[in-house]
Every structure is written in structure tokens, then in C-alpha cells.
Amino acid sequence: MVFVPILCLNYRQLAIEVSALINSVLSTGLQGVQSGVSTAQRAAEDIVQATTTDPQTASGGDSLADITEAAVSLKVGEQQVQASAAVVKTADEVLGTLLDTKA
């Protein structure tokens, strides 16, 4: 019974629903890319700050721990960008397949 509403949709309605879904997935993927880039940029700035701080004016923080934490954040940002880019690529491929099918 779950499939009955989908079967009742005509082609145009189905295309509109699929288009909205693909747009949502693309938007989510792009937001993920932007978030990952932002995370990586903050981490890179933290690494620069930890390696260029004058030891006499340092706030007493553990520089090695700061660099390690920032390096982990940099890697997390990189992986987030890669995963989100894969989402965008897949949505693009699905859209291409749908357009090829319609043509």
C-alpha cells in the first residue's frame, strides 16, 4: 500500500518530486562542502597561530597540543569536504541519468 501514492502520480508530478529531492540533496551537499572548508580554514589559522606565537607572550597553552588538535580538525574538514563532494557528484549523476532518460 505504500507504493499506491507513487503509482498514482503522473510523470510530471513525479518529475517535480524528484527534482525537489535532488535540489535538496545538492543543497545539503554544498552546505557540507562550505562547512568543511570553513572547518579546515579555521584549523589552518589555528596551526599558523600556534606556530608563530612569540613564546614570551604566549598564554601558557601547550603549543604541541594546540597544533595536534588543529591538525585533527583540518583532517576532519578535509574528509567532510570529500564526503559532501561525493554527495553532490552522486546527485549530479542522478540528475543526468533522469535527463538522459527523459530525452
N, C-alpha and C. Protein backbone atom coordinates (compact mmCIF):
# COMPACT_ATOMS: atom_id res chain seq x y z
N MET A 1 0.81 -1.21 0.00
CA MET A 1 0.00 0.00 0.00
C MET A 1 0.85 1.27 0.00
N VAL A 2 2.08 1.19 0.44
CA VAL A 2 2.94 2.36 0.47
C VAL A 2 3.21 2.87 -0.94
N PHE A 3 3.22 1.98 -1.91
CA PHE A 3 3.56 2.36 -3.28
C PHE A 3 2.38 2.95 -4.05
N VAL A 4 1.18 2.86 -3.53
CA VAL A 4 -0.01 3.35 -4.24
C VAL A 4 0.08 4.83 -4.57
N PRO A 5 0.47 5.72 -3.62
CA PRO A 5 0.55 7.15 -3.98
C PRO A 5 1.57 7.42 -5.08
N ILE A 6 2.69 6.71 -5.07
CA ILE A 6 3.70 6.92 -6.10
C ILE A 6 3.17 6.46 -7.45
N LEU A 7 2.46 5.35 -7.48
CA LEU A 7 1.92 4.84 -8.74
C LEU A 7 0.84 5.75 -9.30
N CYS A 8 0.15 6.49 -8.44
CA CYS A 8 -0.92 7.38 -8.89
C CYS A 8 -0.39 8.69 -9.45
N LEU A 9 0.85 9.01 -9.19
CA LEU A 9 1.42 10.24 -9.71
C LEU A 9 1.62 10.14 -11.21
N ASN A 10 1.33 11.19 -11.92
CA ASN A 10 1.66 11.17 -13.33
C ASN A 10 3.13 11.54 -13.51
N TYR A 11 3.60 11.46 -14.71
CA TYR A 11 5.03 11.69 -14.97
C TYR A 11 5.47 13.07 -14.54
N ARG A 12 4.66 14.08 -14.80
CA ARG A 12 5.02 15.46 -14.46
C ARG A 12 5.13 15.63 -12.95
N GLN A 13 4.19 15.09 -12.22
CA GLN A 13 4.24 15.20 -10.76
C GLN A 13 5.47 14.47 -10.21
N LEU A 14 5.76 13.32 -10.77
CA LEU A 14 6.92 12.56 -10.33
C LEU A 14 8.20 13.33 -10.62
N ALA A 15 8.28 13.95 -11.79
CA ALA A 15 9.46 14.74 -12.14
C ALA A 15 9.65 15.91 -11.19
N ILE A 16 8.56 16.55 -10.79
CA ILE A 16 8.63 17.67 -9.85
C ILE A 16 9.13 17.19 -8.49
N GLU A 17 8.60 16.05 -8.04
CA GLU A 17 9.02 15.49 -6.75
C GLU A 17 10.50 15.11 -6.76
N VAL A 18 10.94 14.46 -7.82
CA VAL A 18 12.34 14.04 -7.94
C VAL A 18 13.24 15.27 -8.03
N SER A 19 12.82 16.26 -8.78
CA SER A 19 13.61 17.49 -8.91
C SER A 19 13.77 18.17 -7.56
N ALA A 20 12.70 18.25 -6.79
CA ALA A 20 12.79 18.86 -5.46
C ALA A 20 13.72 18.06 -4.56
N LEU A 21 13.66 16.75 -4.65
CA LEU A 21 14.53 15.90 -3.84
C LEU A 21 16.00 16.09 -4.23
N ILE A 22 16.28 16.13 -5.52
CA ILE A 22 17.65 16.32 -5.99
C ILE A 22 18.17 17.70 -5.58
N ASN A 23 17.32 18.72 -5.70
CA ASN A 23 17.72 20.06 -5.27
C ASN A 23 18.06 20.09 -3.78
N SER A 24 17.27 19.37 -2.99
CA SER A 24 17.53 19.29 -1.56
C SER A 24 18.86 18.60 -1.27
N VAL A 25 19.11 17.52 -1.98
CA VAL A 25 20.37 16.78 -1.80
C VAL A 25 21.55 17.64 -2.23
N LEU A 26 21.43 18.31 -3.36
CA LEU A 26 22.50 19.20 -3.83
C LEU A 26 22.77 20.31 -2.81
N SER A 27 21.71 20.89 -2.29
CA SER A 27 21.86 21.96 -1.31
C SER A 27 22.56 21.45 -0.05
N THR A 28 22.17 20.28 0.41
CA THR A 28 22.80 19.69 1.59
C THR A 28 24.28 19.41 1.32
N GLY A 29 24.58 18.88 0.15
CA GLY A 29 25.97 18.60 -0.21
C GLY A 29 26.81 19.86 -0.26
N LEU A 30 26.27 20.90 -0.86
CA LEU A 30 27.01 22.16 -0.95
C LEU A 30 27.22 22.80 0.42
N GLN A 31 26.21 22.70 1.28
CA GLN A 31 26.37 23.21 2.64
C GLN A 31 27.47 22.44 3.37
N GLY A 32 27.52 21.14 3.14
CA GLY A 32 28.57 20.32 3.75
C GLY A 32 29.95 20.71 3.26
N VAL A 33 30.07 21.00 1.97
CA VAL A 33 31.35 21.44 1.42
C VAL A 33 31.76 22.77 2.06
N GLN A 34 30.82 23.71 2.13
CA GLN A 34 31.12 25.01 2.73
C GLN A 34 31.53 24.86 4.20
N SER A 35 30.84 24.02 4.92
CA SER A 35 31.15 23.80 6.33
C SER A 35 32.54 23.16 6.49
N GLY A 36 32.84 22.19 5.64
CA GLY A 36 34.15 21.54 5.69
C GLY A 36 35.28 22.50 5.37
N VAL A 37 35.07 23.35 4.38
CA VAL A 37 36.08 24.35 4.03
C VAL A 37 36.28 25.32 5.19
N SER A 38 35.19 25.73 5.82
CA SER A 38 35.28 26.64 6.95
C SER A 38 36.04 25.99 8.12
N THR A 39 35.75 24.72 8.39
CA THR A 39 36.45 23.99 9.45
C THR A 39 37.94 23.90 9.14
N ALA A 40 38.28 23.57 7.90
CA ALA A 40 39.68 23.45 7.50
C ALA A 40 40.39 24.80 7.59
N GLN A 41 39.70 25.86 7.20
CA GLN A 41 40.31 27.19 7.24
C GLN A 41 40.60 27.60 8.69
N ARG A 42 39.63 27.37 9.59
CA ARG A 42 39.86 27.70 11.00
C ARG A 42 41.02 26.89 11.57
N ALA A 43 41.08 25.61 11.20
CA ALA A 43 42.16 24.76 11.70
C ALA A 43 43.51 25.25 11.18
N ALA A 44 43.56 25.63 9.91
CA ALA A 44 44.82 26.14 9.34
C ALA A 44 45.25 27.42 10.05
N GLU A 45 44.29 28.29 10.34
CA GLU A 45 44.60 29.53 11.07
C GLU A 45 45.11 29.22 12.48
N ASP A 46 44.52 28.21 13.12
CA ASP A 46 44.97 27.80 14.45
C ASP A 46 46.40 27.26 14.41
N ILE A 47 46.71 26.51 13.37
CA ILE A 47 48.07 25.98 13.22
C ILE A 47 49.06 27.11 13.04
N VAL A 48 48.72 28.07 12.19
CA VAL A 48 49.60 29.23 11.98
C VAL A 48 49.80 29.98 13.29
N GLN A 49 48.72 30.22 14.00
CA GLN A 49 48.81 30.96 15.26
C GLN A 49 49.67 30.20 16.28
N ALA A 50 49.51 28.89 16.36
CA ALA A 50 50.28 28.09 17.32
C ALA A 50 51.77 28.05 16.97
N THR A 51 52.08 28.17 15.69
CA THR A 51 53.49 28.07 15.29
C THR A 51 54.18 29.42 15.18
N THR A 52 53.42 30.51 15.24
CA THR A 52 54.03 31.83 15.10
C THR A 52 53.92 32.67 16.36
N THR A 53 53.32 32.13 17.40
CA THR A 53 53.17 32.89 18.65
C THR A 53 54.52 33.06 19.32
N ASP A 54 54.78 34.27 19.75
CA ASP A 54 56.02 34.57 20.47
C ASP A 54 55.97 33.86 21.83
N PRO A 55 56.95 33.03 22.14
CA PRO A 55 56.93 32.28 23.40
C PRO A 55 56.84 33.18 24.63
N GLN A 56 57.36 34.39 24.55
CA GLN A 56 57.32 35.29 25.71
C GLN A 56 55.93 35.88 25.94
N THR A 57 55.12 35.93 24.87
CA THR A 57 53.77 36.48 25.02
C THR A 57 52.71 35.39 24.95
N ALA A 58 53.13 34.14 24.89
CA ALA A 58 52.17 33.04 24.80
C ALA A 58 51.33 32.98 26.06
N SER A 59 50.12 32.48 25.92
CA SER A 59 49.20 32.44 27.05
C SER A 59 49.43 31.24 27.94
N GLY A 60 50.50 30.54 27.73
CA GLY A 60 50.81 29.41 28.58
C GLY A 60 50.20 28.11 28.09
N GLY A 61 49.57 28.13 26.91
CA GLY A 61 48.96 26.93 26.35
C GLY A 61 50.01 25.97 25.83
N ASP A 62 49.63 24.73 25.72
CA ASP A 62 50.55 23.72 25.20
C ASP A 62 50.52 23.78 23.68
N SER A 63 51.56 24.33 23.10
CA SER A 63 51.64 24.55 21.66
C SER A 63 51.50 23.26 20.86
N LEU A 64 52.15 22.19 21.32
CA LEU A 64 52.07 20.92 20.61
C LEU A 64 50.65 20.37 20.63
N ALA A 65 49.98 20.48 21.76
CA ALA A 65 48.59 20.02 21.86
C ALA A 65 47.68 20.85 20.96
N ASP A 66 47.93 22.16 20.90
CA ASP A 66 47.14 23.04 20.04
C ASP A 66 47.31 22.67 18.58
N ILE A 67 48.55 22.40 18.19
CA ILE A 67 48.83 22.02 16.81
C ILE A 67 48.19 20.68 16.48
N THR A 68 48.28 19.74 17.41
CA THR A 68 47.70 18.42 17.19
C THR A 68 46.19 18.51 17.03
N GLU A 69 45.55 19.28 17.90
CA GLU A 69 44.10 19.45 17.83
C GLU A 69 43.70 20.12 16.51
N ALA A 70 44.45 21.11 16.11
CA ALA A 70 44.16 21.80 14.86
C ALA A 70 44.39 20.88 13.66
N ALA A 71 45.41 20.03 13.73
CA ALA A 71 45.67 19.09 12.62
C ALA A 71 44.54 18.09 12.49
N VAL A 72 44.01 17.64 13.61
CA VAL A 72 42.86 16.73 13.58
C VAL A 72 41.65 17.44 12.98
N SER A 73 41.42 18.68 13.38
CA SER A 73 40.30 19.45 12.82
C SER A 73 40.48 19.67 11.32
N LEU A 74 41.71 19.90 10.91
CA LEU A 74 42.00 20.07 9.48
C LEU A 74 41.63 18.81 8.70
N LYS A 75 42.00 17.66 9.25
CA LYS A 75 41.68 16.39 8.60
C LYS A 75 40.17 16.15 8.57
N VAL A 76 39.49 16.49 9.65
CA VAL A 76 38.02 16.35 9.70
C VAL A 76 37.38 17.22 8.63
N GLY A 77 37.85 18.45 8.50
CA GLY A 77 37.32 19.35 7.47
C GLY A 77 37.56 18.79 6.08
N GLU A 78 38.74 18.23 5.85
CA GLU A 78 39.06 17.63 4.55
C GLU A 78 38.11 16.47 4.24
N GLN A 79 37.89 15.61 5.21
CA GLN A 79 37.01 14.46 4.99
C GLN A 79 35.55 14.91 4.80
N GLN A 80 35.16 15.97 5.49
CA GLN A 80 33.80 16.48 5.31
C GLN A 80 33.61 17.01 3.89
N VAL A 81 34.62 17.71 3.39
CA VAL A 81 34.55 18.22 2.01
C VAL A 81 34.48 17.06 1.02
N GLN A 82 35.30 16.03 1.23
CA GLN A 82 35.30 14.89 0.32
C GLN A 82 33.95 14.17 0.33
N ALA A 83 33.39 13.95 1.51
CA ALA A 83 32.11 13.25 1.61
C ALA A 83 30.99 14.09 0.98
N SER A 84 31.00 15.38 1.26
CA SER A 84 29.96 16.25 0.70
C SER A 84 30.10 16.38 -0.81
N ALA A 85 31.32 16.40 -1.31
CA ALA A 85 31.53 16.45 -2.76
C ALA A 85 31.01 15.18 -3.41
N ALA A 86 31.15 14.05 -2.74
CA ALA A 86 30.62 12.79 -3.26
C ALA A 86 29.09 12.84 -3.33
N VAL A 87 28.46 13.48 -2.35
CA VAL A 87 27.00 13.64 -2.36
C VAL A 87 26.59 14.49 -3.56
N VAL A 88 27.29 15.60 -3.77
CA VAL A 88 26.97 16.48 -4.90
C VAL A 88 27.18 15.74 -6.22
N LYS A 89 28.27 15.00 -6.34
CA LYS A 89 28.55 14.25 -7.57
C LYS A 89 27.46 13.22 -7.84
N THR A 90 27.04 12.51 -6.82
CA THR A 90 26.00 11.49 -6.99
C THR A 90 24.68 12.13 -7.40
N ALA A 91 24.31 13.24 -6.77
CA ALA A 91 23.08 13.94 -7.14
C ALA A 91 23.16 14.42 -8.59
N ASP A 92 24.32 14.91 -8.99
CA ASP A 92 24.51 15.36 -10.37
C ASP A 92 24.36 14.19 -11.35
N GLU A 93 24.92 13.04 -10.99
CA GLU A 93 24.81 11.86 -11.85
C GLU A 93 23.36 11.38 -11.96
N VAL A 94 22.65 11.42 -10.85
CA VAL A 94 21.23 11.02 -10.87
C VAL A 94 20.44 11.97 -11.75
N LEU A 95 20.70 13.27 -11.60
CA LEU A 95 20.01 14.25 -12.44
C LEU A 95 20.33 14.03 -13.92
N GLY A 96 21.60 13.77 -14.22
CA GLY A 96 21.99 13.49 -15.60
C GLY A 96 21.29 12.27 -16.16
N THR A 97 21.20 11.22 -15.35
CA THR A 97 20.52 10.00 -15.77
C THR A 97 19.04 10.28 -16.04
N LEU A 98 18.42 11.07 -15.16
CA LEU A 98 17.00 11.39 -15.36
C LEU A 98 16.80 12.20 -16.64
N LEU A 99 17.70 13.14 -16.88
CA LEU A 99 17.57 13.95 -18.11
C LEU A 99 17.79 13.10 -19.35
N ASP A 100 18.76 12.17 -19.29
CA ASP A 100 19.00 11.27 -20.41
C ASP A 100 17.80 10.36 -20.65
N THR A 101 17.17 9.92 -19.56
CA THR A 101 16.00 9.04 -19.68
C THR A 101 14.83 9.77 -20.31
N LYS A 102 14.66 11.03 -19.94
CA LYS A 102 13.55 11.81 -20.49
C LYS A 102 13.77 12.12 -21.97
N ALA A 103 15.03 12.29 -22.38
CA ALA A 103 15.32 12.64 -23.76
C ALA A 103 15.22 11.44 -24.62
